[in-house]
Amino acid sequence: MSLDCGNNVSFEGEDNISLFDSSAWAERGFCKNCGTHLFYRLKENHHYYMPADLFDEGPVLEFDSQVFIEEKPSYYCFANTTKNLTGAECFAEYGGGE
């Protein structure tokens, strides 16, 4: 699960971050030392999505959306109702995919 962190994100120790060009529209950031996945970033608008587990306890988080819903395995279902976006809807809303 990841958090939508917008595009105003900065890091301490940026020299320890390695980028991987994961698709035509996005890239992923990893720690060069331990390999921890740090973020998924859209190339078009530098919008960041970061794993929820990277953050210490803070404000209560609301799980409110799922993307690429058509690729979700059939063996699980979340208890709360969420906004569900297909891959095409996700790209239309956030960019990328071309």
PDB file of N, CA and C in Angstrom:
ATOM      1  N   MET A   1       0.839  -1.167   0.000  1.00  0.00           N
ATOM      2  CA  MET A   1       0.000   0.000   0.000  1.00  0.00           C
ATOM      3  C   MET A   1       0.884   1.229   0.000  1.00  0.00           C
ATOM      4  N   SER A   2       0.433   2.233  -0.711  1.00  0.00           N
ATOM      5  CA  SER A   2       1.244   3.444  -0.803  1.00  0.00           C
ATOM      6  C   SER A   2       0.410   4.676  -0.496  1.00  0.00           C
ATOM      7  N   LEU A   3       1.121   5.737  -0.155  1.00  0.00           N
ATOM      8  CA  LEU A   3       0.494   7.016   0.146  1.00  0.00           C
ATOM      9  C   LEU A   3       0.729   7.972  -1.002  1.00  0.00           C
ATOM     10  N   ASP A   4      -0.306   8.708  -1.354  1.00  0.00           N
ATOM     11  CA  ASP A   4      -0.202   9.754  -2.368  1.00  0.00           C
ATOM     12  C   ASP A   4       0.468  10.946  -1.697  1.00  0.00           C
ATOM     13  N   CYS A   5       1.711  11.249  -2.085  1.00  0.00           N
ATOM     14  CA  CYS A   5       2.490  12.301  -1.425  1.00  0.00           C
ATOM     15  C   CYS A   5       2.607  13.573  -2.259  1.00  0.00           C
ATOM     16  N   GLY A   6       1.913  13.645  -3.381  1.00  0.00           N
ATOM     17  CA  GLY A   6       1.968  14.845  -4.206  1.00  0.00           C
ATOM     18  C   GLY A   6       3.306  14.986  -4.905  1.00  0.00           C
ATOM     19  N   ASN A   7       3.618  16.216  -5.305  1.00  0.00           N
ATOM     20  CA  ASN A   7       4.877  16.426  -6.034  1.00  0.00           C
ATOM     21  C   ASN A   7       5.840  17.363  -5.315  1.00  0.00           C
ATOM     22  N   ASN A   8       5.532  17.743  -4.093  1.00  0.00           N
ATOM     23  CA  ASN A   8       6.427  18.594  -3.317  1.00  0.00           C
ATOM     24  C   ASN A   8       7.128  17.727  -2.266  1.00  0.00           C
ATOM     25  N   VAL A   9       8.024  16.862  -2.733  1.00  0.00           N
ATOM     26  CA  VAL A   9       8.701  15.892  -1.868  1.00  0.00           C
ATOM     27  C   VAL A   9      10.199  16.150  -1.915  1.00  0.00           C
ATOM     28  N   SER A  10      10.850  16.089  -0.762  1.00  0.00           N
ATOM     29  CA  SER A  10      12.310  16.219  -0.729  1.00  0.00           C
ATOM     30  C   SER A  10      12.872  15.127   0.182  1.00  0.00           C
ATOM     31  N   PHE A  11      14.134  14.803  -0.032  1.00  0.00           N
ATOM     32  CA  PHE A  11      14.783  13.735   0.719  1.00  0.00           C
ATOM     33  C   PHE A  11      16.097  14.225   1.296  1.00  0.00           C
ATOM     34  N   GLU A  12      16.441  13.726   2.477  1.00  0.00           N
ATOM     35  CA  GLU A  12      17.783  13.912   3.013  1.00  0.00           C
ATOM     36  C   GLU A  12      18.626  12.771   2.461  1.00  0.00           C
ATOM     37  N   GLY A  13      19.867  13.037   2.146  1.00  0.00           N
ATOM     38  CA  GLY A  13      20.751  11.983   1.649  1.00  0.00           C
ATOM     39  C   GLY A  13      20.393  11.495   0.262  1.00  0.00           C
ATOM     40  N   GLU A  14      20.025  12.423  -0.625  1.00  0.00           N
ATOM     41  CA  GLU A  14      19.624  12.039  -1.985  1.00  0.00           C
ATOM     42  C   GLU A  14      20.697  11.248  -2.722  1.00  0.00           C
ATOM     43  N   ASP A  15      21.958  11.408  -2.322  1.00  0.00           N
ATOM     44  CA  ASP A  15      23.033  10.657  -2.978  1.00  0.00           C
ATOM     45  C   ASP A  15      22.947   9.160  -2.674  1.00  0.00           C
ATOM     46  N   ASN A  16      22.089   8.774  -1.725  1.00  0.00           N
ATOM     47  CA  ASN A  16      21.885   7.363  -1.393  1.00  0.00           C
ATOM     48  C   ASN A  16      20.685   6.752  -2.113  1.00  0.00           C
ATOM     49  N   ILE A  17      20.070   7.520  -3.018  1.00  0.00           N
ATOM     50  CA  ILE A  17      18.894   7.042  -3.744  1.00  0.00           C
ATOM     51  C   ILE A  17      19.275   6.690  -5.174  1.00  0.00           C
ATOM     52  N   SER A  18      18.856   5.514  -5.585  1.00  0.00           N
ATOM     53  CA  SER A  18      19.074   5.037  -6.952  1.00  0.00           C
ATOM     54  C   SER A  18      17.729   5.010  -7.666  1.00  0.00           C
ATOM     55  N   LEU A  19      17.691   5.448  -8.926  1.00  0.00           N
ATOM     56  CA  LEU A  19      16.453   5.446  -9.701  1.00  0.00           C
ATOM     57  C   LEU A  19      16.438   4.298 -10.689  1.00  0.00           C
ATOM     58  N   PHE A  20      15.274   3.697 -10.848  1.00  0.00           N
ATOM     59  CA  PHE A  20      15.066   2.629 -11.822  1.00  0.00           C
ATOM     60  C   PHE A  20      13.947   3.062 -12.754  1.00  0.00           C
ATOM     61  N   ASP A  21      14.223   3.091 -14.038  1.00  0.00           N
ATOM     62  CA  ASP A  21      13.263   3.481 -15.066  1.00  0.00           C
ATOM     63  C   ASP A  21      12.312   2.305 -15.288  1.00  0.00           C
ATOM     64  N   SER A  22      11.213   2.250 -14.521  1.00  0.00           N
ATOM     65  CA  SER A  22      10.358   1.061 -14.509  1.00  0.00           C
ATOM     66  C   SER A  22       9.338   0.997 -15.633  1.00  0.00           C
ATOM     67  N   SER A  23       9.056   2.120 -16.280  1.00  0.00           N
ATOM     68  CA  SER A  23       8.120   2.131 -17.405  1.00  0.00           C
ATOM     69  C   SER A  23       8.311   3.420 -18.185  1.00  0.00           C
ATOM     70  N   ALA A  24       7.551   3.578 -19.250  1.00  0.00           N
ATOM     71  CA  ALA A  24       7.637   4.796 -20.057  1.00  0.00           C
ATOM     72  C   ALA A  24       7.117   6.008 -19.294  1.00  0.00           C
ATOM     73  N   TRP A  25       6.304   5.791 -18.274  1.00  0.00           N
ATOM     74  CA  TRP A  25       5.676   6.905 -17.574  1.00  0.00           C
ATOM     75  C   TRP A  25       6.078   7.045 -16.110  1.00  0.00           C
ATOM     76  N   ALA A  26       6.845   6.116 -15.567  1.00  0.00           N
ATOM     77  CA  ALA A  26       7.176   6.200 -14.144  1.00  0.00           C
ATOM     78  C   ALA A  26       8.557   5.630 -13.858  1.00  0.00           C
ATOM     79  N   GLU A  27       9.079   6.018 -12.697  1.00  0.00           N
ATOM     80  CA  GLU A  27      10.352   5.481 -12.223  1.00  0.00           C
ATOM     81  C   GLU A  27      10.216   5.188 -10.740  1.00  0.00           C
ATOM     82  N   ARG A  28      11.089   4.338 -10.252  1.00  0.00           N
ATOM     83  CA  ARG A  28      11.070   3.945  -8.846  1.00  0.00           C
ATOM     84  C   ARG A  28      12.394   4.324  -8.196  1.00  0.00           C
ATOM     85  N   GLY A  29      12.312   4.714  -6.938  1.00  0.00           N
ATOM     86  CA  GLY A  29      13.504   5.060  -6.184  1.00  0.00           C
ATOM     87  C   GLY A  29      13.784   4.018  -5.122  1.00  0.00           C
ATOM     88  N   PHE A  30      15.074   3.670  -4.976  1.00  0.00           N
ATOM     89  CA  PHE A  30      15.504   2.666  -4.008  1.00  0.00           C
ATOM     90  C   PHE A  30      16.706   3.184  -3.234  1.00  0.00           C
ATOM     91  N   CYS A  31      16.872   2.712  -2.005  1.00  0.00           N
ATOM     92  CA  CYS A  31      18.068   3.005  -1.227  1.00  0.00           C
ATOM     93  C   CYS A  31      19.230   2.233  -1.847  1.00  0.00           C
ATOM     94  N   LYS A  32      20.329   2.939  -2.156  1.00  0.00           N
ATOM     95  CA  LYS A  32      21.514   2.292  -2.735  1.00  0.00           C
ATOM     96  C   LYS A  32      22.189   1.343  -1.752  1.00  0.00           C
ATOM     97  N   ASN A  33      21.988   1.562  -0.455  1.00  0.00           N
ATOM     98  CA  ASN A  33      22.675   0.756   0.556  1.00  0.00           C
ATOM     99  C   ASN A  33      21.955  -0.546   0.896  1.00  0.00           C
ATOM    100  N   CYS A  34      20.637  -0.480   1.058  1.00  0.00           N
ATOM    101  CA  CYS A  34      19.910  -1.678   1.500  1.00  0.00           C
ATOM    102  C   CYS A  34      18.869  -2.173   0.505  1.00  0.00           C
ATOM    103  N   GLY A  35      18.560  -1.374  -0.515  1.00  0.00           N
ATOM    104  CA  GLY A  35      17.605  -1.795  -1.530  1.00  0.00           C
ATOM    105  C   GLY A  35      16.151  -1.502  -1.219  1.00  0.00           C
ATOM    106  N   THR A  36      15.877  -0.849  -0.095  1.00  0.00           N
ATOM    107  CA  THR A  36      14.494  -0.545   0.264  1.00  0.00           C
ATOM    108  C   THR A  36      13.831   0.294  -0.815  1.00  0.00           C
ATOM    109  N   HIS A  37      12.603  -0.095  -1.181  1.00  0.00           N
ATOM    110  CA  HIS A  37      11.821   0.683  -2.146  1.00  0.00           C
ATOM    111  C   HIS A  37      11.329   1.945  -1.451  1.00  0.00           C
ATOM    112  N   LEU A  38      11.667   3.110  -1.997  1.00  0.00           N
ATOM    113  CA  LEU A  38      11.335   4.385  -1.370  1.00  0.00           C
ATOM    114  C   LEU A  38      10.160   5.101  -2.007  1.00  0.00           C
ATOM    115  N   PHE A  39      10.021   4.994  -3.321  1.00  0.00           N
ATOM    116  CA  PHE A  39       8.914   5.691  -3.976  1.00  0.00           C
ATOM    117  C   PHE A  39       8.701   5.209  -5.401  1.00  0.00           C
ATOM    118  N   TYR A  40       7.521   5.556  -5.887  1.00  0.00           N
ATOM    119  CA  TYR A  40       7.123   5.396  -7.283  1.00  0.00           C
ATOM    120  C   TYR A  40       6.816   6.815  -7.725  1.00  0.00           C
ATOM    121  N   ARG A  41       7.397   7.283  -8.823  1.00  0.00           N
ATOM    122  CA  ARG A  41       7.223   8.683  -9.236  1.00  0.00           C
ATOM    123  C   ARG A  41       6.819   8.741 -10.707  1.00  0.00           C
ATOM    124  N   LEU A  42       5.742   9.476 -10.980  1.00  0.00           N
ATOM    125  CA  LEU A  42       5.317   9.688 -12.359  1.00  0.00           C
ATOM    126  C   LEU A  42       6.274  10.661 -13.025  1.00  0.00           C
ATOM    127  N   LYS A  43       6.733  10.331 -14.214  1.00  0.00           N
ATOM    128  CA  LYS A  43       7.700  11.179 -14.919  1.00  0.00           C
ATOM    129  C   LYS A  43       7.079  12.499 -15.371  1.00  0.00           C
ATOM    130  N   GLU A  44       5.833  12.446 -15.804  1.00  0.00           N
ATOM    131  CA  GLU A  44       5.171  13.609 -16.384  1.00  0.00           C
ATOM    132  C   GLU A  44       5.057  14.783 -15.415  1.00  0.00           C
ATOM    133  N   ASN A  45       4.684  14.506 -14.168  1.00  0.00           N
ATOM    134  CA  ASN A  45       4.438  15.594 -13.219  1.00  0.00           C
ATOM    135  C   ASN A  45       5.181  15.429 -11.892  1.00  0.00           C
ATOM    136  N   HIS A  46       6.081  14.466 -11.806  1.00  0.00           N
ATOM    137  CA  HIS A  46       6.868  14.184 -10.591  1.00  0.00           C
ATOM    138  C   HIS A  46       5.986  13.969  -9.366  1.00  0.00           C
ATOM    139  N   HIS A  47       4.865  13.304  -9.555  1.00  0.00           N
ATOM    140  CA  HIS A  47       3.953  12.960  -8.465  1.00  0.00           C
ATOM    141  C   HIS A  47       4.483  11.699  -7.782  1.00  0.00           C
ATOM    142  N   TYR A  48       4.616  11.743  -6.466  1.00  0.00           N
ATOM    143  CA  TYR A  48       5.205  10.648  -5.690  1.00  0.00           C
ATOM    144  C   TYR A  48       4.143   9.801  -4.989  1.00  0.00           C
ATOM    145  N   TYR A  49       4.393   8.507  -4.968  1.00  0.00           N
ATOM    146  CA  TYR A  49       3.628   7.546  -4.171  1.00  0.00           C
ATOM    147  C   TYR A  49       4.657   6.770  -3.363  1.00  0.00           C
ATOM    148  N   MET A  50       4.453   6.737  -2.044  1.00  0.00           N
ATOM    149  CA  MET A  50       5.458   6.135  -1.168  1.00  0.00           C
ATOM    150  C   MET A  50       4.835   5.043  -0.306  1.00  0.00           C
ATOM    151  N   PRO A  51       5.576   3.955  -0.072  1.00  0.00           N
ATOM    152  CA  PRO A  51       5.054   2.865   0.757  1.00  0.00           C
ATOM    153  C   PRO A  51       4.640   3.367   2.144  1.00  0.00           C
ATOM    154  N   ALA A  52       3.451   2.976   2.566  1.00  0.00           N
ATOM    155  CA  ALA A  52       2.924   3.424   3.857  1.00  0.00           C
ATOM    156  C   ALA A  52       3.838   3.029   5.012  1.00  0.00           C
ATOM    157  N   ASP A  53       4.517   1.900   4.900  1.00  0.00           N
ATOM    158  CA  ASP A  53       5.376   1.420   5.987  1.00  0.00           C
ATOM    159  C   ASP A  53       6.616   2.277   6.217  1.00  0.00           C
ATOM    160  N   LEU A  54       6.921   3.202   5.326  1.00  0.00           N
ATOM    161  CA  LEU A  54       8.082   4.075   5.526  1.00  0.00           C
ATOM    162  C   LEU A  54       7.830   5.135   6.590  1.00  0.00           C
ATOM    163  N   PHE A  55       6.576   5.376   6.913  1.00  0.00           N
ATOM    164  CA  PHE A  55       6.226   6.464   7.811  1.00  0.00           C
ATOM    165  C   PHE A  55       5.973   5.960   9.219  1.00  0.00           C
ATOM    166  N   ASP A  56       6.508   6.709  10.197  1.00  0.00           N
ATOM    167  CA  ASP A  56       6.220   6.415  11.592  1.00  0.00           C
ATOM    168  C   ASP A  56       4.752   6.720  11.844  1.00  0.00           C
ATOM    169  N   GLU A  57       4.277   6.281  13.001  1.00  0.00           N
ATOM    170  CA  GLU A  57       2.894   6.572  13.350  1.00  0.00           C
ATOM    171  C   GLU A  57       2.664   8.072  13.279  1.00  0.00           C
ATOM    172  N   GLY A  58       1.570   8.437  12.730  1.00  0.00           N
ATOM    173  CA  GLY A  58       1.213   9.839  12.578  1.00  0.00           C
ATOM    174  C   GLY A  58      -0.295   9.938  12.529  1.00  0.00           C
ATOM    175  N   PRO A  59      -0.785  10.825  11.683  1.00  0.00           N
ATOM    176  CA  PRO A  59      -2.241  10.939  11.577  1.00  0.00           C
ATOM    177  C   PRO A  59      -2.839   9.627  11.056  1.00  0.00           C
ATOM    178  N   VAL A  60      -4.075   9.388  11.412  1.00  0.00           N
ATOM    179  CA  VAL A  60      -4.766   8.190  10.943  1.00  0.00           C
ATOM    180  C   VAL A  60      -4.900   8.276   9.429  1.00  0.00           C
ATOM    181  N   LEU A  61      -4.513   7.216   8.763  1.00  0.00           N
ATOM    182  CA  LEU A  61      -4.572   7.187   7.309  1.00  0.00           C
ATOM    183  C   LEU A  61      -5.881   6.562   6.858  1.00  0.00           C
ATOM    184  N   GLU A  62      -6.413   7.090   5.768  1.00  0.00           N
ATOM    185  CA  GLU A  62      -7.654   6.560   5.220  1.00  0.00           C
ATOM    186  C   GLU A  62      -7.359   5.819   3.923  1.00  0.00           C
ATOM    187  N   PHE A  63      -7.678   4.556   3.891  1.00  0.00           N
ATOM    188  CA  PHE A  63      -7.524   3.750   2.687  1.00  0.00           C
ATOM    189  C   PHE A  63      -8.751   4.029   1.830  1.00  0.00           C
ATOM    190  N   ASP A  64      -8.579   4.870   0.796  1.00  0.00           N
ATOM    191  CA  ASP A  64      -9.753   5.327   0.061  1.00  0.00           C
ATOM    192  C   ASP A  64      -9.756   5.034  -1.430  1.00  0.00           C
ATOM    193  N   SER A  65      -8.685   4.453  -1.965  1.00  0.00           N
ATOM    194  CA  SER A  65      -8.709   4.165  -3.402  1.00  0.00           C
ATOM    195  C   SER A  65      -7.813   2.980  -3.750  1.00  0.00           C
ATOM    196  N   GLN A  66      -8.173   2.336  -4.855  1.00  0.00           N
ATOM    197  CA  GLN A  66      -7.391   1.237  -5.409  1.00  0.00           C
ATOM    198  C   GLN A  66      -7.210   1.513  -6.899  1.00  0.00           C
ATOM    199  N   VAL A  67      -6.014   1.267  -7.403  1.00  0.00           N
ATOM    200  CA  VAL A  67      -5.750   1.487  -8.827  1.00  0.00           C
ATOM    201  C   VAL A  67      -5.456   0.152  -9.513  1.00  0.00           C
ATOM    202  N   PHE A  68      -5.628   0.142 -10.821  1.00  0.00           N
ATOM    203  CA  PHE A  68      -5.475  -1.086 -11.618  1.00  0.00           C
ATOM    204  C   PHE A  68      -6.363  -2.191 -11.037  1.00  0.00           C
ATOM    205  N   ILE A  69      -7.589  -1.809 -10.702  1.00  0.00           N
ATOM    206  CA  ILE A  69      -8.512  -2.721 -10.028  1.00  0.00           C
ATOM    207  C   ILE A  69      -8.787  -3.974 -10.855  1.00  0.00           C
ATOM    208  N   GLU A  70      -8.677  -3.857 -12.177  1.00  0.00           N
ATOM    209  CA  GLU A  70      -8.935  -5.022 -13.032  1.00  0.00           C
ATOM    210  C   GLU A  70      -7.840  -6.083 -12.901  1.00  0.00           C
ATOM    211  N   GLU A  71      -6.723  -5.718 -12.274  1.00  0.00           N
ATOM    212  CA  GLU A  71      -5.625  -6.668 -12.081  1.00  0.00           C
ATOM    213  C   GLU A  71      -5.574  -7.234 -10.658  1.00  0.00           C
ATOM    214  N   LYS A  72      -6.528  -6.833  -9.822  1.00  0.00           N
ATOM    215  CA  LYS A  72      -6.567  -7.297  -8.431  1.00  0.00           C
ATOM    216  C   LYS A  72      -6.869  -8.792  -8.392  1.00  0.00           C
ATOM    217  N   PRO A  73      -6.092  -9.556  -7.638  1.00  0.00           N
ATOM    218  CA  PRO A  73      -6.396 -10.986  -7.502  1.00  0.00           C
ATOM    219  C   PRO A  73      -7.788 -11.191  -6.897  1.00  0.00           C
ATOM    220  N   SER A  74      -8.474 -12.204  -7.310  1.00  0.00           N
ATOM    221  CA  SER A  74      -9.844 -12.446  -6.843  1.00  0.00           C
ATOM    222  C   SER A  74      -9.902 -13.000  -5.418  1.00  0.00           C
ATOM    223  N   TYR A  75      -8.766 -13.408  -4.856  1.00  0.00           N
ATOM    224  CA  TYR A  75      -8.788 -14.048  -3.542  1.00  0.00           C
ATOM    225  C   TYR A  75      -8.786 -13.077  -2.363  1.00  0.00           C
ATOM    226  N   TYR A  76      -8.806 -11.773  -2.603  1.00  0.00           N
ATOM    227  CA  TYR A  76      -8.933 -10.860  -1.470  1.00  0.00           C
ATOM    228  C   TYR A  76      -9.844  -9.687  -1.804  1.00  0.00           C
ATOM    229  N   CYS A  77     -10.387  -9.106  -0.736  1.00  0.00           N
ATOM    230  CA  CYS A  77     -11.269  -7.952  -0.871  1.00  0.00           C
ATOM    231  C   CYS A  77     -11.139  -7.135   0.415  1.00  0.00           C
ATOM    232  N   PHE A  78     -10.950  -5.824   0.289  1.00  0.00           N
ATOM    233  CA  PHE A  78     -10.835  -4.973   1.471  1.00  0.00           C
ATOM    234  C   PHE A  78     -12.217  -4.715   2.069  1.00  0.00           C
ATOM    235  N   ALA A  79     -12.271  -4.540   3.371  1.00  0.00           N
ATOM    236  CA  ALA A  79     -13.540  -4.408   4.074  1.00  0.00           C
ATOM    237  C   ALA A  79     -14.244  -3.086   3.790  1.00  0.00           C
ATOM    238  N   ASN A  80     -13.483  -2.016   3.629  1.00  0.00           N
ATOM    239  CA  ASN A  80     -14.119  -0.722   3.411  1.00  0.00           C
ATOM    240  C   ASN A  80     -14.328  -0.456   1.915  1.00  0.00           C
ATOM    241  N   THR A  81     -15.274   0.416   1.630  1.00  0.00           N
ATOM    242  CA  THR A  81     -15.554   0.804   0.253  1.00  0.00           C
ATOM    243  C   THR A  81     -14.510   1.819  -0.192  1.00  0.00           C
ATOM    244  N   THR A  82     -13.972   1.635  -1.394  1.00  0.00           N
ATOM    245  CA  THR A  82     -12.946   2.533  -1.918  1.00  0.00           C
ATOM    246  C   THR A  82     -13.321   3.004  -3.318  1.00  0.00           C
ATOM    247  N   LYS A  83     -12.653   4.049  -3.758  1.00  0.00           N
ATOM    248  CA  LYS A  83     -12.732   4.462  -5.156  1.00  0.00           C
ATOM    249  C   LYS A  83     -11.870   3.460  -5.925  1.00  0.00           C
ATOM    250  N   ASN A  84     -12.419   2.865  -6.961  1.00  0.00           N
ATOM    251  CA  ASN A  84     -11.703   1.860  -7.739  1.00  0.00           C
ATOM    252  C   ASN A  84     -11.434   2.384  -9.138  1.00  0.00           C
ATOM    253  N   LEU A  85     -10.167   2.451  -9.513  1.00  0.00           N
ATOM    254  CA  LEU A  85      -9.787   2.927 -10.840  1.00  0.00           C
ATOM    255  C   LEU A  85      -9.155   1.800 -11.644  1.00  0.00           C
ATOM    256  N   THR A  86      -9.572   1.676 -12.890  1.00  0.00           N
ATOM    257  CA  THR A  86      -8.891   0.754 -13.796  1.00  0.00           C
ATOM    258  C   THR A  86      -7.567   1.395 -14.188  1.00  0.00           C
ATOM    259  N   GLY A  87      -6.712   0.651 -14.854  1.00  0.00           N
ATOM    260  CA  GLY A  87      -5.458   1.221 -15.331  1.00  0.00           C
ATOM    261  C   GLY A  87      -5.700   2.406 -16.246  1.00  0.00           C
ATOM    262  N   ALA A  88      -6.653   2.276 -17.178  1.00  0.00           N
ATOM    263  CA  ALA A  88      -6.958   3.369 -18.111  1.00  0.00           C
ATOM    264  C   ALA A  88      -7.455   4.603 -17.368  1.00  0.00           C
ATOM    265  N   GLU A  89      -8.312   4.411 -16.365  1.00  0.00           N
ATOM    266  CA  GLU A  89      -8.816   5.541 -15.580  1.00  0.00           C
ATOM    267  C   GLU A  89      -7.696   6.191 -14.779  1.00  0.00           C
ATOM    268  N   CYS A  90      -6.797   5.385 -14.261  1.00  0.00           N
ATOM    269  CA  CYS A  90      -5.653   5.895 -13.501  1.00  0.00           C
ATOM    270  C   CYS A  90      -4.780   6.781 -14.386  1.00  0.00           C
ATOM    271  N   PHE A  91      -4.462   6.303 -15.590  1.00  0.00           N
ATOM    272  CA  PHE A  91      -3.637   7.087 -16.506  1.00  0.00           C
ATOM    273  C   PHE A  91      -4.348   8.367 -16.932  1.00  0.00           C
ATOM    274  N   ALA A  92      -5.658   8.298 -17.149  1.00  0.00           N
ATOM    275  CA  ALA A  92      -6.418   9.486 -17.538  1.00  0.00           C
ATOM    276  C   ALA A  92      -6.404  10.529 -16.423  1.00  0.00           C
ATOM    277  N   GLU A  93      -6.468  10.074 -15.179  1.00  0.00           N
ATOM    278  CA  GLU A  93      -6.506  10.994 -14.040  1.00  0.00           C
ATOM    279  C   GLU A  93      -5.133  11.529 -13.656  1.00  0.00           C
ATOM    280  N   TYR A  94      -4.107  10.671 -13.694  1.00  0.00           N
ATOM    281  CA  TYR A  94      -2.791  11.050 -13.190  1.00  0.00           C
ATOM    282  C   TYR A  94      -1.719  11.211 -14.257  1.00  0.00           C
ATOM    283  N   GLY A  95      -2.005  10.809 -15.482  1.00  0.00           N
ATOM    284  CA  GLY A  95      -1.018  10.913 -16.559  1.00  0.00           C
ATOM    285  C   GLY A  95      -0.261   9.620 -16.754  1.00  0.00           C
ATOM    286  N   GLY A  96       0.449   9.558 -17.870  1.00  0.00           N
ATOM    287  CA  GLY A  96       1.272   8.389 -18.180  1.00  0.00           C
ATOM    288  C   GLY A  96       0.532   7.365 -19.009  1.00  0.00           C
ATOM    289  N   GLY A  97       1.175   6.242 -19.188  1.00  0.00           N
ATOM    290  CA  GLY A  97       0.572   5.116 -19.870  1.00  0.00           C
ATOM    291  C   GLY A  97       0.675   5.104 -21.371  1.00  0.00           C
ATOM    292  N   GLU A  98       1.338   6.057 -21.939  1.00  0.00           N
ATOM    293  CA  GLU A  98       1.431   6.092 -23.401  1.00  0.00           C
ATOM    294  C   GLU A  98       2.755   5.609 -23.890  1.00  0.00           C
TER     295      GLU A  98
END
